[in-house]
Amino acid sequence: AHRATLVWGVHTVLAACLAITVASLYACALEWGVLWYGFWRLACGITGAMLVVVGVPAALSRVPLKARAYTSSLVFTGIGLGIMASGTVVPWLAGVGVAVTWLALALVASVLAGWAWLAVLGRLPPLERSTREDHIDARLPTLALCLVIAAYSLDAMGFVPHTLFWVDYIARELGEGLATGSGYWVVFGLGAMCGPVVAGTLAARLRFQPSLALALTVKTIAVCLPVLSTDWPALALSSFLVGMLVPGVVTLTSGTLSTLVAPERQQQVWGWATLGFALTQAVAAYGMSWGYEQLGSYRPLFTIAAVALAMASISAIAAVRKASR
């Protein structure tokens, strides 16, 4: 993503990624075999990641430092809206047909991409270079960045059970049925919709780095709840808190990195963080799927995820201490 913007520029890369993402949704409505489907899912994964890597720094680096908490919360609210929509609309449309579901998603994406292309990309202001006055933290040592990226990568492992197995765990392992499992996913989406706003408010009060450490600590407790209790209050609270902190941690991590480096380096550093996040998430998803096959239960996976999040919390706290020194 970073190299592409150096060659073609931010506007071109964002526009191309929007177009490919929308095209992939239309393509998946066609039953042309697993290779066709796999190619377009891969393409959507690449362009979706590039939109995050390029789009987030493009927004944060063009606003004053004091406005970044609010801007970051706006940028990531879309994650929660999308999750909540998938938990309500997609199951209903799937009863009509898979192709219809893909086409509905593609139409919504077309509207959003068209609006972003016409109303936003054309008005993206030029990047303002950093100065000593507005970015005094730019000289922090590399260790602080490495600790934040490590915390972000471990977070990717920590929420895998809730995003990959949560509905099936409730529906089959707990015997509650698919309707109940989908209901908890809607609660997850409601939390995700609130997450960026909560994170932005928290960062405005405490600053980004302490807020990230606090969020990861709360997320550790939330992931532990299904291990401690399977009663509905524990499941509902776990759904909401983890849902809230999935985009919340992304918001706080991007904001934290924006305070550690100059604006012209934010895209590159955010790309490193996204790469670490994606690799860890992929390895954890495959590893935990294999672990479920061996163990026959999802509950040990929540314990593993909680340990990963505890390590992420420690790394984030160490980053705060390093930055303060």
Protein backbone atom coordinates (compact mmCIF):
# COMPACT_ATOMS: atom_id res chain seq x y z
CA ALA A 1 0.00 0.00 0.00
CA HIS A 2 2.74 2.45 0.97
CA ARG A 3 4.78 1.73 -2.16
CA ALA A 4 1.70 2.05 -4.35
CA THR A 5 0.96 5.55 -3.03
CA LEU A 6 4.56 6.58 -3.69
CA VAL A 7 4.07 5.64 -7.37
CA TRP A 8 0.43 6.60 -8.05
CA GLY A 9 -0.57 8.84 -5.16
CA VAL A 10 -3.12 8.53 -2.35
CA HIS A 11 -6.17 9.58 -4.42
CA THR A 12 -5.54 7.03 -7.18
CA VAL A 13 -4.87 4.16 -4.79
CA LEU A 14 -7.98 4.83 -2.72
CA ALA A 15 -10.18 5.13 -5.81
CA ALA A 16 -8.80 1.92 -7.36
CA CYS A 17 -9.21 -0.03 -4.12
CA LEU A 18 -12.81 1.14 -3.76
CA ALA A 19 -13.57 0.02 -7.32
CA ILE A 20 -11.96 -3.42 -6.91
CA THR A 21 -13.69 -4.01 -3.57
CA VAL A 22 -17.10 -3.26 -5.06
CA ALA A 23 -16.36 -5.38 -8.15
CA SER A 24 -15.43 -8.34 -5.95
CA LEU A 25 -18.86 -8.29 -4.28
CA TYR A 26 -20.64 -8.37 -7.64
CA ALA A 27 -18.31 -11.15 -8.84
CA CYS A 28 -19.10 -13.34 -5.83
CA ALA A 29 -22.76 -13.41 -6.85
CA LEU A 30 -21.74 -15.60 -9.82
CA GLU A 31 -21.40 -19.34 -9.16
CA TRP A 32 -18.32 -19.89 -11.30
CA GLY A 33 -16.39 -22.24 -9.04
CA VAL A 34 -14.08 -22.10 -6.08
CA LEU A 35 -11.12 -20.60 -7.97
CA TRP A 36 -13.25 -17.68 -9.17
CA TYR A 37 -14.64 -17.16 -5.68
CA GLY A 38 -11.23 -17.52 -4.03
CA PHE A 39 -9.61 -15.02 -6.41
CA TRP A 40 -12.19 -12.32 -5.71
CA ARG A 41 -12.15 -12.91 -1.95
CA LEU A 42 -8.36 -12.55 -2.04
CA ALA A 43 -8.66 -9.38 -4.11
CA CYS A 44 -11.19 -7.94 -1.63
CA GLY A 45 -8.90 -8.79 1.27
CA ILE A 46 -5.98 -6.99 -0.36
CA THR A 47 -7.91 -3.87 -1.35
CA GLY A 48 -9.75 -3.77 1.98
CA ALA A 49 -6.43 -3.80 3.83
CA MET A 50 -5.02 -1.14 1.51
CA LEU A 51 -8.04 1.09 2.18
CA VAL A 52 -7.28 0.84 5.91
CA VAL A 53 -3.54 1.38 5.50
CA VAL A 54 -3.91 4.36 3.15
CA GLY A 55 -7.23 5.86 4.22
CA VAL A 56 -6.71 6.11 7.98
CA PRO A 57 -3.38 8.02 7.85
CA ALA A 58 -4.78 10.14 5.01
CA ALA A 59 -7.44 11.36 7.44
CA LEU A 60 -5.39 11.57 10.64
CA SER A 61 -2.35 13.24 9.10
CA ARG A 62 -4.49 16.06 7.68
CA VAL A 63 -6.05 17.24 10.92
CA PRO A 64 -4.47 18.96 13.94
CA LEU A 65 -3.16 16.75 16.74
CA LYS A 66 -5.95 17.82 19.11
CA ALA A 67 -8.62 16.74 16.58
CA ARG A 68 -7.23 13.26 15.91
CA ALA A 69 -9.19 11.48 18.64
CA TYR A 70 -12.49 12.74 17.18
CA THR A 71 -11.39 12.08 13.59
CA SER A 72 -10.21 8.57 14.43
CA SER A 73 -13.55 7.74 16.04
CA LEU A 74 -15.38 8.90 12.89
CA VAL A 75 -13.14 6.89 10.57
CA PHE A 76 -13.69 3.59 12.37
CA THR A 77 -17.41 3.90 13.09
CA GLY A 78 -18.02 2.24 9.72
CA ILE A 79 -16.65 -1.04 11.06
CA GLY A 80 -19.37 -1.22 13.68
CA LEU A 81 -22.09 -0.20 11.24
CA GLY A 82 -20.98 -2.94 8.85
CA ILE A 83 -20.88 -5.61 11.55
CA MET A 84 -24.32 -4.67 12.84
CA ALA A 85 -25.73 -4.72 9.30
CA SER A 86 -24.20 -8.14 8.65
CA GLY A 87 -25.75 -9.48 11.83
CA THR A 88 -29.25 -8.32 10.94
CA VAL A 89 -29.64 -7.99 7.17
CA VAL A 90 -27.41 -10.80 5.89
CA PRO A 91 -29.15 -13.68 7.76
CA TRP A 92 -32.50 -12.41 6.47
CA LEU A 93 -31.26 -12.10 2.88
CA ALA A 94 -29.54 -15.49 3.00
CA GLY A 95 -32.99 -17.07 3.24
CA VAL A 96 -33.80 -15.53 -0.14
CA GLY A 97 -30.57 -16.73 -1.76
CA VAL A 98 -26.80 -16.40 -1.55
CA ALA A 99 -26.54 -14.56 -4.89
CA VAL A 100 -29.17 -12.04 -3.80
CA THR A 101 -27.22 -11.46 -0.58
CA TRP A 102 -24.01 -10.72 -2.49
CA LEU A 103 -25.82 -8.38 -4.86
CA ALA A 104 -27.41 -6.49 -1.97
CA LEU A 105 -23.99 -6.02 -0.35
CA ALA A 106 -22.56 -4.94 -3.71
CA LEU A 107 -25.30 -2.32 -4.22
CA VAL A 108 -24.75 -0.83 -0.77
CA ALA A 109 -21.00 -0.82 -1.36
CA SER A 110 -21.52 0.88 -4.73
CA VAL A 111 -23.42 3.74 -3.12
CA LEU A 112 -20.84 4.20 -0.37
CA ALA A 113 -17.90 3.95 -2.76
CA GLY A 114 -19.50 6.40 -5.18
CA TRP A 115 -20.08 8.89 -2.39
CA ALA A 116 -16.49 8.47 -1.13
CA TRP A 117 -15.10 8.83 -4.64
CA LEU A 118 -17.08 11.93 -5.63
CA ALA A 119 -17.60 13.76 -2.35
CA VAL A 120 -14.46 12.91 -0.36
CA LEU A 121 -11.48 12.02 -2.56
CA GLY A 122 -11.81 15.15 -4.65
CA ARG A 123 -11.71 17.32 -1.53
CA LEU A 124 -8.82 15.59 0.25
CA PRO A 125 -6.50 18.45 1.31
CA PRO A 126 -2.75 18.21 0.75
CA LEU A 127 -0.59 16.69 3.46
CA GLU A 128 0.87 19.19 5.90
CA ARG A 129 4.46 18.46 6.84
CA SER A 130 5.26 18.14 10.51
CA THR A 131 6.98 20.82 12.55
CA ARG A 132 8.68 20.77 15.91
CA GLU A 133 5.75 22.61 17.47
CA ASP A 134 2.90 20.37 16.28
CA HIS A 135 4.70 17.03 16.53
CA ILE A 136 7.14 17.09 19.39
CA ASP A 137 6.88 13.31 19.92
CA ALA A 138 8.36 12.45 16.51
CA ARG A 139 11.78 11.63 18.00
CA LEU A 140 10.64 8.82 20.28
CA PRO A 141 12.82 5.69 20.04
CA THR A 142 11.86 2.74 17.87
CA LEU A 143 11.16 0.56 20.92
CA ALA A 144 7.90 2.39 21.66
CA LEU A 145 6.67 1.72 18.11
CA CYS A 146 7.65 -1.95 18.32
CA LEU A 147 5.77 -2.36 21.59
CA VAL A 148 2.60 -0.79 20.16
CA ILE A 149 2.78 -2.93 17.01
CA ALA A 150 3.36 -6.05 19.15
CA ALA A 151 0.31 -5.19 21.26
CA TYR A 152 -1.78 -4.67 18.13
CA SER A 153 -0.63 -8.00 16.66
CA LEU A 154 -1.45 -9.89 19.86
CA ASP A 155 -4.86 -8.21 19.90
CA ALA A 156 -5.53 -9.82 16.51
CA MET A 157 -5.09 -13.22 18.15
CA GLY A 158 -7.18 -12.25 21.15
CA PHE A 159 -10.46 -11.57 19.38
CA VAL A 160 -10.36 -14.51 16.91
CA PRO A 161 -12.70 -16.73 19.00
CA HIS A 162 -15.31 -13.97 19.21
CA THR A 163 -15.24 -13.14 15.50
CA LEU A 164 -14.78 -16.63 14.05
CA PHE A 165 -16.42 -19.03 16.52
CA TRP A 166 -18.74 -16.96 18.72
CA VAL A 167 -22.07 -17.69 17.01
CA ASP A 168 -21.29 -21.38 16.53
CA TYR A 169 -20.12 -21.67 20.15
CA ILE A 170 -23.43 -20.31 21.42
CA ALA A 171 -25.61 -22.07 18.83
CA ARG A 172 -24.11 -25.57 18.95
CA GLU A 173 -21.74 -26.03 21.88
CA LEU A 174 -24.07 -24.31 24.34
CA GLY A 175 -27.14 -25.63 22.51
CA GLU A 176 -28.88 -22.25 22.28
CA GLY A 177 -29.68 -22.43 18.56
CA LEU A 178 -28.73 -20.27 15.58
CA ALA A 179 -31.32 -17.56 16.25
CA THR A 180 -29.91 -16.93 19.74
CA GLY A 181 -26.35 -17.02 18.40
CA SER A 182 -27.22 -14.45 15.74
CA GLY A 183 -28.82 -12.30 18.44
CA TYR A 184 -25.56 -12.19 20.35
CA TRP A 185 -23.80 -11.25 17.10
CA VAL A 186 -26.14 -8.27 16.78
CA VAL A 187 -25.13 -7.27 20.33
CA PHE A 188 -21.52 -7.61 19.17
CA GLY A 189 -22.30 -5.27 16.27
CA LEU A 190 -23.97 -2.72 18.55
CA GLY A 191 -20.81 -2.69 20.64
CA ALA A 192 -18.69 -2.32 17.52
CA MET A 193 -20.78 0.67 16.43
CA CYS A 194 -20.14 2.35 19.79
CA GLY A 195 -16.47 1.37 19.98
CA PRO A 196 -14.82 4.13 17.93
CA VAL A 197 -16.86 6.85 19.65
CA VAL A 198 -16.00 5.48 23.11
CA ALA A 199 -12.35 5.14 22.09
CA GLY A 200 -12.23 8.67 20.73
CA THR A 201 -13.81 10.10 23.88
CA LEU A 202 -11.40 8.12 26.06
CA ALA A 203 -8.40 9.26 24.03
CA ALA A 204 -9.52 12.89 24.26
CA ARG A 205 -9.47 12.59 28.06
CA LEU A 206 -6.53 10.27 28.75
CA ARG A 207 -4.49 10.51 25.51
CA PHE A 208 -4.13 7.68 23.02
CA GLN A 209 -1.40 5.58 24.64
CA PRO A 210 -2.91 5.13 28.14
CA SER A 211 -6.32 4.58 26.54
CA LEU A 212 -4.91 1.74 24.42
CA ALA A 213 -3.46 0.01 27.49
CA LEU A 214 -6.76 0.38 29.35
CA ALA A 215 -8.81 -0.90 26.40
CA LEU A 216 -6.67 -4.03 26.02
CA THR A 217 -6.97 -4.76 29.75
CA VAL A 218 -10.77 -4.50 29.62
CA LYS A 219 -10.81 -6.66 26.48
CA THR A 220 -8.80 -9.34 28.31
CA ILE A 221 -11.48 -9.51 31.00
CA ALA A 222 -14.28 -9.53 28.41
CA VAL A 223 -12.78 -12.49 26.53
CA CYS A 224 -12.44 -14.38 29.84
CA LEU A 225 -16.16 -14.06 30.64
CA PRO A 226 -17.34 -17.07 28.54
CA VAL A 227 -14.80 -19.24 30.39
CA LEU A 228 -16.08 -18.11 33.79
CA SER A 229 -19.80 -18.22 33.04
CA THR A 230 -22.20 -19.27 30.26
CA ASP A 231 -25.22 -17.41 31.68
CA TRP A 232 -26.82 -14.87 29.36
CA PRO A 233 -25.60 -11.75 31.23
CA ALA A 234 -21.99 -12.88 30.88
CA LEU A 235 -22.44 -13.77 27.21
CA ALA A 236 -24.21 -10.49 26.44
CA LEU A 237 -21.60 -8.41 28.27
CA SER A 238 -18.78 -10.29 26.57
CA SER A 239 -20.43 -9.78 23.16
CA PHE A 240 -20.88 -6.06 23.68
CA LEU A 241 -17.46 -5.33 25.22
CA VAL A 242 -15.44 -7.35 22.72
CA GLY A 243 -17.53 -5.90 19.89
CA MET A 244 -16.90 -2.41 21.21
CA LEU A 245 -13.17 -2.96 21.59
CA VAL A 246 -12.53 -4.60 18.21
CA PRO A 247 -12.76 -1.26 16.34
CA GLY A 248 -11.94 0.59 19.56
CA VAL A 249 -8.45 -0.91 19.75
CA VAL A 250 -7.92 -0.25 16.03
CA THR A 251 -8.91 3.38 16.60
CA LEU A 252 -6.60 3.78 19.58
CA THR A 253 -3.69 2.01 17.88
CA SER A 254 -3.85 4.19 14.79
CA GLY A 255 -4.09 7.26 17.01
CA THR A 256 -1.17 6.11 19.15
CA LEU A 257 1.03 5.58 16.11
CA SER A 258 0.05 9.00 14.79
CA THR A 259 1.45 10.57 17.96
CA LEU A 260 4.74 8.68 17.70
CA VAL A 261 5.75 9.52 14.13
CA ALA A 262 5.62 12.48 11.76
CA PRO A 263 2.60 12.72 9.40
CA GLU A 264 4.63 11.72 6.34
CA ARG A 265 5.66 8.46 8.07
CA GLN A 266 2.23 7.50 9.45
CA GLN A 267 1.11 5.54 6.40
CA GLN A 268 4.29 3.46 6.38
CA VAL A 269 4.17 2.67 10.11
CA TRP A 270 0.43 1.95 10.00
CA GLY A 271 1.17 -0.44 7.14
CA TRP A 272 3.68 -2.31 9.32
CA ALA A 273 1.11 -2.54 12.12
CA THR A 274 -1.60 -3.76 9.75
CA LEU A 275 0.76 -6.38 8.31
CA GLY A 276 1.59 -7.69 11.80
CA PHE A 277 -2.10 -7.68 12.70
CA ALA A 278 -3.13 -9.56 9.55
CA LEU A 279 -0.40 -12.20 9.81
CA THR A 280 -1.16 -12.89 13.47
CA GLN A 281 -4.88 -13.04 12.78
CA ALA A 282 -4.40 -15.54 9.93
CA VAL A 283 -2.07 -17.78 11.96
CA ALA A 284 -4.38 -17.64 14.98
CA ALA A 285 -7.46 -18.46 12.89
CA TYR A 286 -5.83 -21.52 11.33
CA GLY A 287 -4.25 -22.57 14.63
CA MET A 288 -7.44 -22.25 16.63
CA SER A 289 -9.46 -24.06 13.96
CA TRP A 290 -6.97 -26.94 14.21
CA GLY A 291 -7.13 -26.73 18.01
CA TYR A 292 -10.91 -27.02 17.97
CA GLU A 293 -10.68 -30.16 15.85
CA GLN A 294 -8.30 -31.69 18.40
CA LEU A 295 -10.12 -30.56 21.54
CA GLY A 296 -13.74 -30.66 20.40
CA SER A 297 -14.55 -27.52 22.42
CA TYR A 298 -14.28 -23.78 21.92
CA ARG A 299 -13.79 -22.89 25.60
CA PRO A 300 -9.99 -23.52 25.72
CA LEU A 301 -9.64 -21.15 22.75
CA PHE A 302 -11.09 -18.29 24.80
CA THR A 303 -8.44 -18.97 27.45
CA ILE A 304 -5.68 -18.83 24.82
CA ALA A 305 -7.14 -15.59 23.47
CA ALA A 306 -7.24 -14.07 26.97
CA VAL A 307 -3.56 -14.92 27.50
CA ALA A 308 -2.67 -13.23 24.19
CA LEU A 309 -4.64 -10.12 25.20
CA ALA A 310 -2.96 -10.06 28.61
CA MET A 311 0.41 -10.04 26.82
CA ALA A 312 -0.89 -7.26 24.56
CA SER A 313 -1.89 -5.23 27.63
CA ILE A 314 1.57 -5.64 29.13
CA SER A 315 3.17 -4.55 25.86
CA ALA A 316 0.93 -1.48 25.65
CA ILE A 317 1.70 -0.52 29.26
CA ALA A 318 5.41 -0.88 28.54
CA ALA A 319 4.98 1.39 25.51
CA VAL A 320 3.31 4.04 27.69
CA ARG A 321 6.18 3.90 30.20
CA LYS A 322 8.76 4.08 27.43
CA ALA A 323 7.03 7.04 25.80
CA SER A 324 6.70 8.88 29.10
CA ARG A 325 10.43 8.58 29.66
